[in-house]
């Protein structure tokens, strides 16, 4: 089998991600990363919740400490019928804070429909900040997101995510480096043209009127008649770009979350993200031509590589040449580990890991491509949240009642 075209695809994607993208971002940074310190709209922070347990309490409390005028800030938690004690923890977090609203869906609706309910409830807000229930947000994050809405055409501004448990084991150390490149490098090409195709639900701000405009499309998302509850962050971002709005990404706004610490958790996350990638890369082909030509080429190349690379891996296994591709992976991953080491050498030891910790990715990458790409294609109609399913213990004290006076009525994405 002649594999040169596939190798060419691989080189093209690497060049776009690690050479052309960073070059364009540095050349255009002064004009792209403008801020408006005078823009102070009403903001509603929306937290979709499902089986997060005590984590939602910590998330809400971190948001109450935001460096943003309190009278312009509201927090809305939407519980999607959690089966654990998440709702009780959310109510406890709201106790004593009139600007925290806790809602509960009448049935399990999925993350996107839950967010849509919250958006409708936040009638006075001009900007909606979406935050996952398993993150702790930096105090200045909302302010950094808001100040980048410098044009009416900018409909969304996303922030980055740091790994809190980076030193837990070999897997979290590896994920720490993967997160570094996913956020410091891989979005550079799209950032250069304000056409970032995936802004993570961990921390992203949206213009409320754009969310309302897109609501019919977001609500009706399905495959073969099955409502889809995964990959909503990527789908929403793509729809925003499709409707001629601009999307921006900043490293100044950030939050913290824990990475999967077991292979089972990591593989589950990768399968979910692989489905999301496939669904939206395929779905976006009909309008990819509207993007900047360089972004279009990169977009199509990513999809082609995603679909073809498992064939390369299987071919090498069948022909007994798997060691060749494994050596190639180790060379590339080793080089990236060295670059990570150079870029983080100024950080304290507790904020970085050794560059060699990225080497396991050389083996996990071909495994996940060979196994999860076909599996993702066969299970695109999955309707699960596929986040946490564990049941936590109920808090020792009785759940607090909502102090909002209103009746009570999961999951970062985008690192792939």
Foldseek 3Di string as FASTA:
>chain_A
DDCVVLVVLVVLLCCCFAPVLVVLCVVQVVVQQAFALPDAFQEEEEEEAAQPPLLLLQQLVLACLAPHPPVSYAYEYEYQPHPAQVLLNLQQSQPPPQRYHFAYAPHRQARLVSVVVVLVVPVRGFKYKFAFSFWRWHRHQVVSFRGSPPDPLAFKEAEAEAAPPCPVDLVSVQVRLLSCSLQVTRQRNCQSQLLRQFGKSNTMMGGSVVCVVCVVVLSPDADPNFHARALSRNVVSNVSVLVVGGYHYDHVTYIYGHDDPDPVQVLLQLLRQLLNLQVVLVVCPVPLVVDDVVSSVSSVSVNVNLVCVLVVCVVCVVVVNNVVQLVVLQVVLLVSLVVQCVVCVVPPPSRHDRSCSNNVCSVVVNVCSNPSNVVSVVPSRDHDLSDDDDHDHHDPDGRHHHPNPDDHNRHIHDSD
